[in-house]
Amino acid sequence: MTNVPKIQITDSGLKLPTHQEILSGVLADINAAFGGGLNTESLETPQGQLASSLAAVIADKNDLIAELANQIHPDYADGIMQDAIAKIYFLERKKAVDSSVECEFVGLAGTIVPKGYAVLDTSGVQWVLKDEFSILEGGRGTGIFTAAGVVSAAANTVNRPVRTITGLDRVNNPRPAIPGRELESRADFRRRRQQSVAANAHGTPQSVYSNVAQLDGVSDVYVVDNPKPVSETHNGQTIKPHSIYVAVVGGDDRQIAETILRFAGCGCDFTGNTTLTVYDETYTDPKPAYEVSFTRPAPVPVYFRVRIGKDAAIGYQDAVRKAVIEAFDGAEKAGIGGRIYAMRYVCHIARALTSAQVIDIEVGLARDGMGNSAQVGIHQYPTIAAENIEVVPDA
């Protein structure tokens, strides 16, 4: 028998004894073991020190049991426990995806650029060519470069080859890079699990979203339909009558188109800037063919203006820019059609500064149009670059 109170399992969950209740129980046990008469009032005595250590061990064990119990709940699960719960839904956490950028090569036709060819951007980040290719007739060609992690690069910034190749004159990215994705976070994985309950449905935007979002390489999805007999504008995008609109960042074009056709339902039209012919593989030739359209959203730069107090330490501009970029790509990540709120960045910036105060912060999709928030269209996805973050001292 022991005087230490046990964990109680109630209808409302676990009820843990307090540290003081555990300590009192341990002191009572030690006093009884030595025949009574011990001083149990002072924790500075040998028995007091022993009881304190044992109570701490018991309390820590109780906390671990409580944490394990909480991990069984889908809303609180994390790490491997969240992975285990997701297995019930036949889901796996999405792995990290490298950032990618399309670069244009100019040079002598027939010049071969090998796989692994490296080009630096203006920030010194190295981008590596994914597949070998040769410059076409006309002296131009395009290739996909990747960089590990979540990396942003504005248009015309990936243009510094690490080594020269005879016949290759220059390299440049006409459009911004597509930032990659870190290992799927707890919050994102939880949200995708919740939305996955529609994965086995057909003919609904939710089922299309759930299944497209699970495809390899897909980092963001937005789905909306227009059941009306007339065109409708939704957040800056015109959607055809009786059609479904799917915007996707990342992933394989054909896999996306096939998935949309499979889960969008019969008689549905499609709105988008990318169109592929998809065949119904359940038939033998001639197979029914469908023109499936979806949207590859255009990258839109997001601009910040941060005003800092006069007592800022040297180098505060770089610290602020780094904090904004990390928050933008992490905790405050906004996707296709999302709204970016300036105030959500205050805490991230404040933690990066040792002394100065954050006086004001504005955000916008143009330098001359900043305010408290910025609305991204459903035909756009937001990107961030250090040169678009203006850090100014308070006047």
Protein backbone atom coordinates (compact mmCIF):
# COMPACT_ATOMS: atom_id res chain seq x y z
CA MET A 1 0.00 0.00 0.00
CA THR A 2 1.09 3.54 -0.65
CA ASN A 3 -0.11 6.97 0.35
CA VAL A 4 0.76 8.42 -3.07
CA PRO A 5 -2.51 9.18 -4.92
CA LYS A 6 -3.02 7.45 -8.26
CA ILE A 7 -3.99 8.82 -11.64
CA GLN A 8 -7.76 8.73 -12.01
CA ILE A 9 -9.34 7.89 -15.35
CA THR A 10 -12.68 9.72 -15.47
CA ASP A 11 -15.32 10.22 -18.15
CA SER A 12 -13.84 13.65 -18.83
CA GLY A 13 -10.26 12.39 -19.09
CA LEU A 14 -7.28 11.89 -16.79
CA LYS A 15 -7.15 13.53 -13.37
CA LEU A 16 -3.57 13.86 -12.11
CA PRO A 17 -2.63 14.37 -8.46
CA THR A 18 -0.84 17.63 -7.78
CA HIS A 19 2.87 17.69 -7.02
CA GLN A 20 2.13 18.59 -3.42
CA GLU A 21 -0.23 15.61 -3.06
CA ILE A 22 2.43 13.30 -4.45
CA LEU A 23 5.11 14.76 -2.15
CA SER A 24 2.87 14.36 0.90
CA GLY A 25 2.18 10.74 -0.01
CA VAL A 26 5.88 9.95 -0.50
CA LEU A 27 6.77 11.56 2.86
CA ALA A 28 4.05 9.50 4.56
CA ASP A 29 5.41 6.30 2.97
CA ILE A 30 8.98 7.05 4.08
CA ASN A 31 7.84 7.92 7.59
CA ALA A 32 5.92 4.64 7.84
CA ALA A 33 8.87 2.64 6.46
CA PHE A 34 11.15 3.94 9.21
CA GLY A 35 8.66 3.32 12.00
CA GLY A 36 7.35 6.87 12.28
CA GLY A 37 8.67 9.89 14.12
CA LEU A 38 10.58 11.36 11.14
CA ASN A 39 10.60 15.09 10.50
CA THR A 40 8.34 15.47 7.46
CA GLU A 41 8.02 19.23 7.64
CA SER A 42 11.47 20.19 6.38
CA LEU A 43 12.53 19.20 2.87
CA GLU A 44 16.16 19.98 3.73
CA THR A 45 16.44 16.78 5.79
CA PRO A 46 17.72 13.55 4.18
CA GLN A 47 14.19 12.16 4.12
CA GLY A 48 12.91 15.43 2.68
CA GLN A 49 15.50 15.37 -0.11
CA LEU A 50 14.69 11.73 -0.91
CA ALA A 51 10.96 12.43 -0.93
CA SER A 52 11.39 15.44 -3.20
CA SER A 53 13.36 13.38 -5.73
CA LEU A 54 10.87 10.51 -5.69
CA ALA A 55 7.93 12.90 -6.00
CA ALA A 56 9.54 14.54 -9.04
CA VAL A 57 10.05 11.13 -10.68
CA ILE A 58 6.43 10.14 -10.06
CA ALA A 59 5.09 13.49 -11.29
CA ASP A 60 7.19 13.21 -14.45
CA LYS A 61 5.85 9.69 -15.05
CA ASN A 62 2.30 10.95 -14.59
CA ASP A 63 2.91 13.76 -17.08
CA LEU A 64 4.22 11.28 -19.65
CA ILE A 65 1.13 9.09 -19.20
CA ALA A 66 -1.09 12.14 -19.64
CA GLU A 67 0.83 13.13 -22.77
CA LEU A 68 0.49 9.62 -24.19
CA ALA A 69 -3.25 9.66 -23.48
CA ASN A 70 -3.60 13.01 -25.23
CA GLN A 71 -1.69 11.67 -28.24
CA ILE A 72 -4.51 9.18 -28.82
CA HIS A 73 -6.82 12.11 -29.53
CA PRO A 74 -6.56 13.14 -33.23
CA ASP A 75 -6.75 16.84 -32.35
CA TYR A 76 -3.70 16.69 -30.07
CA ALA A 77 -1.58 13.97 -31.68
CA ASP A 78 1.89 14.83 -32.93
CA GLY A 79 4.88 13.09 -34.47
CA ILE A 80 4.74 9.33 -34.82
CA MET A 81 1.41 9.17 -32.95
CA GLN A 82 -0.17 11.49 -35.50
CA ASP A 83 1.34 9.34 -38.25
CA ALA A 84 -0.28 6.28 -36.67
CA ILE A 85 -3.72 7.91 -36.50
CA ALA A 86 -3.42 9.04 -40.12
CA LYS A 87 -2.72 5.44 -41.14
CA ILE A 88 -6.34 4.70 -40.26
CA TYR A 89 -7.26 7.05 -43.11
CA PHE A 90 -4.57 5.53 -45.36
CA LEU A 91 -2.64 8.81 -45.24
CA GLU A 92 1.06 9.49 -44.85
CA ARG A 93 2.77 12.72 -43.88
CA LYS A 94 4.04 14.54 -46.94
CA LYS A 95 7.80 14.68 -47.21
CA ALA A 96 9.75 17.85 -47.86
CA VAL A 97 9.67 19.18 -51.43
CA ASP A 98 12.55 21.11 -52.98
CA SER A 99 12.02 24.60 -54.36
CA SER A 100 12.02 24.79 -58.16
CA VAL A 101 12.52 27.41 -60.83
CA GLU A 102 12.34 27.36 -64.61
CA CYS A 103 15.37 28.91 -66.29
CA GLU A 104 15.90 29.87 -69.90
CA PHE A 105 19.19 29.03 -71.59
CA VAL A 106 20.60 31.04 -74.47
CA GLY A 107 23.47 29.70 -76.56
CA LEU A 108 24.57 27.58 -79.49
CA ALA A 109 22.00 25.08 -80.75
CA GLY A 110 22.92 21.53 -79.78
CA THR A 111 24.90 22.52 -76.70
CA ILE A 112 24.29 19.94 -73.97
CA VAL A 113 23.77 21.13 -70.42
CA PRO A 114 24.33 18.19 -68.05
CA LYS A 115 22.13 17.10 -65.19
CA GLY A 116 23.38 18.66 -61.95
CA TYR A 117 24.59 21.87 -63.61
CA ALA A 118 24.55 24.56 -60.90
CA VAL A 119 23.49 28.20 -61.07
CA LEU A 120 23.53 30.69 -58.20
CA ASP A 121 20.90 33.32 -57.53
CA THR A 122 21.71 36.84 -56.37
CA SER A 123 21.43 35.69 -52.72
CA GLY A 124 24.08 33.00 -53.21
CA VAL A 125 21.66 30.06 -53.14
CA GLN A 126 22.68 27.22 -55.46
CA TRP A 127 20.09 25.83 -57.89
CA VAL A 128 20.78 22.49 -59.60
CA LEU A 129 19.50 21.36 -63.01
CA LYS A 130 17.11 18.45 -62.59
CA ASP A 131 17.56 16.75 -65.99
CA GLU A 132 20.05 16.98 -68.84
CA PHE A 133 18.90 18.81 -71.96
CA SER A 134 20.30 20.39 -75.11
CA ILE A 135 19.70 23.88 -76.45
CA LEU A 136 17.22 23.75 -79.33
CA GLU A 137 17.37 25.29 -82.76
CA GLY A 138 17.02 29.02 -82.39
CA GLY A 139 19.54 29.04 -79.57
CA ARG A 140 17.11 28.77 -76.65
CA GLY A 141 15.84 26.17 -74.23
CA THR A 142 14.39 25.81 -70.75
CA GLY A 143 15.25 23.60 -67.82
CA ILE A 144 13.98 23.04 -64.29
CA PHE A 145 16.36 23.78 -61.41
CA THR A 146 15.83 22.81 -57.77
CA ALA A 147 17.15 23.99 -54.42
CA ALA A 148 16.78 22.20 -51.10
CA GLY A 149 14.29 23.64 -48.62
CA VAL A 150 11.88 26.54 -48.84
CA VAL A 151 13.69 29.04 -51.03
CA SER A 152 12.28 32.11 -52.76
CA ALA A 153 13.84 33.73 -55.82
CA ALA A 154 12.39 36.65 -57.72
CA ALA A 155 12.34 36.74 -61.52
CA ASN A 156 15.69 37.44 -63.20
CA THR A 157 17.76 36.54 -60.13
CA VAL A 158 18.88 32.95 -60.90
CA ASN A 159 21.55 33.88 -63.44
CA ARG A 160 25.08 33.19 -62.14
CA PRO A 161 26.47 29.88 -63.50
CA VAL A 162 28.97 28.17 -61.21
CA ARG A 163 31.07 27.07 -64.21
CA THR A 164 31.14 27.87 -67.89
CA ILE A 165 30.07 25.54 -70.71
CA THR A 166 31.25 26.09 -74.26
CA GLY A 167 28.25 27.13 -76.30
CA LEU A 168 26.20 28.39 -73.36
CA ASP A 169 25.97 32.18 -73.29
CA ARG A 170 23.64 32.93 -70.39
CA VAL A 171 21.03 31.57 -67.99
CA ASN A 172 18.12 33.40 -66.43
CA ASN A 173 14.76 32.76 -64.78
CA PRO A 174 12.00 34.82 -66.42
CA ARG A 175 9.56 33.96 -63.62
CA PRO A 176 9.89 33.67 -59.83
CA ALA A 177 10.77 30.35 -58.25
CA ILE A 178 8.15 28.08 -56.72
CA PRO A 179 9.08 27.75 -53.04
CA GLY A 180 9.36 24.20 -51.76
CA ARG A 181 7.79 22.76 -48.66
CA GLU A 182 9.19 21.54 -45.38
CA LEU A 183 8.12 18.20 -43.95
CA GLU A 184 4.35 18.51 -43.51
CA SER A 185 3.66 20.17 -40.18
CA ARG A 186 1.41 18.86 -37.45
CA ALA A 187 -1.25 21.50 -38.19
CA ASP A 188 -1.20 20.95 -41.96
CA PHE A 189 -1.29 17.17 -41.59
CA ARG A 190 -4.23 17.44 -39.16
CA ARG A 191 -6.12 19.70 -41.58
CA ARG A 192 -5.50 17.35 -44.51
CA ARG A 193 -6.65 14.37 -42.44
CA GLN A 194 -9.88 16.16 -41.59
CA GLN A 195 -10.48 17.00 -45.24
CA SER A 196 -9.61 13.49 -46.39
CA VAL A 197 -12.97 12.14 -45.20
CA ALA A 198 -14.29 13.36 -48.58
CA ALA A 199 -11.62 11.46 -50.52
CA ASN A 200 -13.94 8.56 -51.39
CA ALA A 201 -16.77 10.81 -52.52
CA HIS A 202 -17.39 11.87 -56.12
CA GLY A 203 -18.73 15.00 -57.75
CA THR A 204 -17.93 17.48 -54.99
CA PRO A 205 -15.23 20.15 -54.64
CA GLN A 206 -14.25 18.54 -51.34
CA SER A 207 -13.52 15.17 -52.96
CA VAL A 208 -11.47 16.82 -55.71
CA TYR A 209 -9.51 18.83 -53.13
CA SER A 210 -8.83 15.80 -50.93
CA ASN A 211 -7.50 13.64 -53.73
CA VAL A 212 -5.46 16.29 -55.55
CA ALA A 213 -3.90 17.42 -52.26
CA GLN A 214 -2.60 13.88 -51.67
CA LEU A 215 -0.64 13.71 -54.94
CA ASP A 216 3.13 13.67 -54.75
CA GLY A 217 4.74 17.08 -55.06
CA VAL A 218 1.53 19.05 -54.55
CA SER A 219 2.09 21.82 -52.01
CA ASP A 220 -1.12 23.85 -52.32
CA VAL A 221 -4.62 23.38 -53.75
CA TYR A 222 -7.73 25.53 -54.12
CA VAL A 223 -11.02 24.15 -55.44
CA VAL A 224 -14.33 25.90 -56.08
CA ASP A 225 -17.22 25.14 -58.44
CA ASN A 226 -19.80 27.24 -60.22
CA PRO A 227 -23.17 25.43 -60.42
CA LYS A 228 -24.88 28.42 -62.04
CA PRO A 229 -25.75 28.64 -65.78
CA VAL A 230 -23.76 31.89 -66.10
CA SER A 231 -20.13 32.77 -65.49
CA GLU A 232 -19.27 33.86 -61.97
CA THR A 233 -16.29 35.79 -60.62
CA HIS A 234 -14.77 34.41 -57.44
CA ASN A 235 -11.93 36.27 -55.78
CA GLY A 236 -10.55 37.70 -58.99
CA GLN A 237 -11.13 34.62 -61.17
CA THR A 238 -13.93 34.15 -63.69
CA ILE A 239 -15.35 30.63 -63.56
CA LYS A 240 -17.32 29.24 -66.51
CA PRO A 241 -20.92 28.03 -66.04
CA HIS A 242 -21.34 24.55 -64.60
CA SER A 243 -17.60 24.11 -64.19
CA ILE A 244 -15.11 23.34 -61.48
CA TYR A 245 -12.01 25.45 -60.88
CA VAL A 246 -8.90 23.77 -59.48
CA ALA A 247 -5.68 25.69 -58.80
CA VAL A 248 -2.59 23.63 -57.95
CA VAL A 249 0.99 24.41 -57.01
CA GLY A 250 3.42 21.55 -57.61
CA GLY A 251 2.71 18.01 -58.71
CA ASP A 252 2.56 16.33 -62.10
CA ASP A 253 0.20 17.83 -64.72
CA ARG A 254 -1.13 14.52 -65.94
CA GLN A 255 -1.71 13.06 -62.49
CA ILE A 256 -3.58 16.21 -61.52
CA ALA A 257 -5.78 16.17 -64.65
CA GLU A 258 -6.59 12.47 -64.25
CA THR A 259 -7.49 12.94 -60.59
CA ILE A 260 -9.75 15.91 -61.36
CA LEU A 261 -11.58 13.95 -64.08
CA ARG A 262 -12.04 10.96 -61.80
CA PHE A 263 -13.53 12.85 -58.87
CA ALA A 264 -15.20 15.91 -60.43
CA GLY A 265 -18.25 14.01 -61.64
CA CYS A 266 -20.07 13.56 -64.94
CA GLY A 267 -21.05 16.42 -67.24
CA CYS A 268 -18.80 18.91 -65.46
CA ASP A 269 -16.89 21.56 -67.37
CA PHE A 270 -13.47 22.81 -66.29
CA THR A 271 -11.96 26.28 -65.90
CA GLY A 272 -8.19 26.78 -65.98
CA ASN A 273 -5.10 27.91 -67.87
CA THR A 274 -3.63 24.41 -68.32
CA THR A 275 -5.46 21.86 -70.47
CA LEU A 276 -4.66 18.18 -71.02
CA THR A 277 -6.41 15.40 -72.90
CA VAL A 278 -7.26 12.58 -70.51
CA TYR A 279 -8.42 9.16 -71.73
CA ASP A 280 -10.78 6.85 -69.91
CA GLU A 281 -8.55 3.82 -69.39
CA THR A 282 -11.47 1.57 -68.43
CA TYR A 283 -12.25 1.22 -72.16
CA THR A 284 -10.32 -0.40 -74.99
CA ASP A 285 -9.49 1.67 -78.07
CA PRO A 286 -11.04 3.94 -79.11
CA LYS A 287 -11.08 5.33 -75.58
CA PRO A 288 -13.28 8.30 -74.62
CA ALA A 289 -11.20 11.47 -74.37
CA TYR A 290 -11.82 14.49 -72.18
CA GLU A 291 -10.26 17.94 -72.17
CA VAL A 292 -9.48 18.67 -68.53
CA SER A 293 -8.40 22.17 -67.50
CA PHE A 294 -6.94 23.38 -64.23
CA THR A 295 -4.94 26.42 -63.20
CA ARG A 296 -1.28 26.81 -62.48
CA PRO A 297 -1.52 29.97 -60.35
CA ALA A 298 0.84 32.83 -61.08
CA PRO A 299 3.37 33.78 -58.40
CA VAL A 300 2.56 37.14 -56.84
CA PRO A 301 5.18 38.97 -54.75
CA VAL A 302 4.13 40.07 -51.28
CA TYR A 303 5.56 43.35 -49.94
CA PHE A 304 6.10 44.28 -46.30
CA ARG A 305 6.93 47.60 -44.69
CA VAL A 306 8.13 47.30 -41.08
CA ARG A 307 8.73 50.35 -38.89
CA ILE A 308 11.12 49.78 -35.97
CA GLY A 309 11.87 51.93 -32.89
CA LYS A 310 14.99 54.12 -32.78
CA ASP A 311 16.75 51.93 -30.20
CA ALA A 312 17.31 49.06 -32.65
CA ALA A 313 20.72 47.39 -32.59
CA ILE A 314 23.03 47.35 -35.61
CA GLY A 315 21.94 44.82 -38.20
CA TYR A 316 18.25 44.92 -37.24
CA GLN A 317 17.18 45.17 -40.89
CA ASP A 318 18.56 41.73 -41.73
CA ALA A 319 17.08 40.25 -38.55
CA VAL A 320 13.64 41.61 -39.41
CA ARG A 321 13.78 40.37 -43.00
CA LYS A 322 14.85 36.91 -41.86
CA ALA A 323 12.03 36.76 -39.29
CA VAL A 324 9.42 37.80 -41.86
CA ILE A 325 10.62 35.25 -44.42
CA GLU A 326 10.72 32.40 -41.88
CA ALA A 327 7.22 33.24 -40.66
CA PHE A 328 5.92 33.63 -44.22
CA ASP A 329 7.26 30.19 -45.18
CA GLY A 330 6.29 28.61 -41.87
CA ALA A 331 3.77 29.47 -39.16
CA GLU A 332 2.04 32.24 -41.13
CA LYS A 333 2.11 30.52 -44.50
CA ALA A 334 -0.69 31.69 -46.79
CA GLY A 335 -1.71 29.78 -49.86
CA ILE A 336 -3.74 30.23 -53.01
CA GLY A 337 -6.60 32.65 -52.34
CA GLY A 338 -5.43 33.33 -48.78
CA ARG A 339 -5.48 36.57 -46.83
CA ILE A 340 -2.22 37.75 -45.29
CA TYR A 341 -2.58 39.73 -42.05
CA ALA A 342 0.24 42.11 -41.10
CA MET A 343 -0.35 41.88 -37.34
CA ARG A 344 0.36 38.14 -37.31
CA TYR A 345 4.01 38.93 -38.03
CA VAL A 346 4.52 41.23 -35.05
CA CYS A 347 5.44 38.49 -32.57
CA HIS A 348 7.86 36.85 -35.00
CA ILE A 349 9.65 40.15 -35.61
CA ALA A 350 9.67 41.11 -31.94
CA ARG A 351 11.39 37.83 -31.01
CA ALA A 352 14.12 38.55 -33.57
CA LEU A 353 14.93 41.96 -32.06
CA THR A 354 16.93 42.24 -28.84
CA SER A 355 15.72 45.65 -27.76
CA ALA A 356 13.76 47.64 -30.34
CA GLN A 357 10.00 47.82 -30.53
CA VAL A 358 7.87 47.05 -33.59
CA ILE A 359 6.07 50.34 -34.26
CA ASP A 360 4.06 49.39 -37.32
CA ILE A 361 3.83 46.76 -40.04
CA GLU A 362 2.04 46.83 -43.37
CA VAL A 363 1.56 44.25 -46.10
CA GLY A 364 0.39 44.40 -49.69
CA LEU A 365 0.67 42.97 -53.19
CA ALA A 366 2.23 46.22 -54.44
CA ARG A 367 4.65 48.70 -52.91
CA ASP A 368 2.13 51.50 -53.25
CA GLY A 369 -0.83 49.52 -51.94
CA MET A 370 0.02 48.35 -48.42
CA GLY A 371 -2.29 48.10 -45.46
CA ASN A 372 -3.35 45.84 -42.59
CA SER A 373 -3.91 42.83 -44.85
CA ALA A 374 -3.53 41.59 -48.41
CA GLN A 375 -5.89 39.32 -50.31
CA VAL A 376 -4.34 36.83 -52.72
CA GLY A 377 -6.46 35.81 -55.71
CA ILE A 378 -7.38 32.19 -56.34
CA HIS A 379 -5.36 32.45 -59.57
CA GLN A 380 -2.24 33.45 -57.59
CA TYR A 381 0.06 32.07 -54.95
CA PRO A 382 2.09 34.38 -52.67
CA THR A 383 5.88 34.56 -52.72
CA ILE A 384 8.37 36.43 -50.55
CA ALA A 385 11.80 37.92 -51.24
CA ALA A 386 14.13 39.90 -48.97
CA GLU A 387 14.21 42.84 -51.38
CA ASN A 388 10.44 43.18 -51.00
CA ILE A 389 10.68 43.72 -47.23
CA GLU A 390 11.24 47.37 -46.40
CA VAL A 391 12.57 47.99 -42.87
CA VAL A 392 12.59 51.61 -41.76
CA PRO A 393 13.44 53.32 -38.44
CA ASP A 394 10.72 55.27 -36.70
CA ALA A 395 10.93 58.98 -37.49
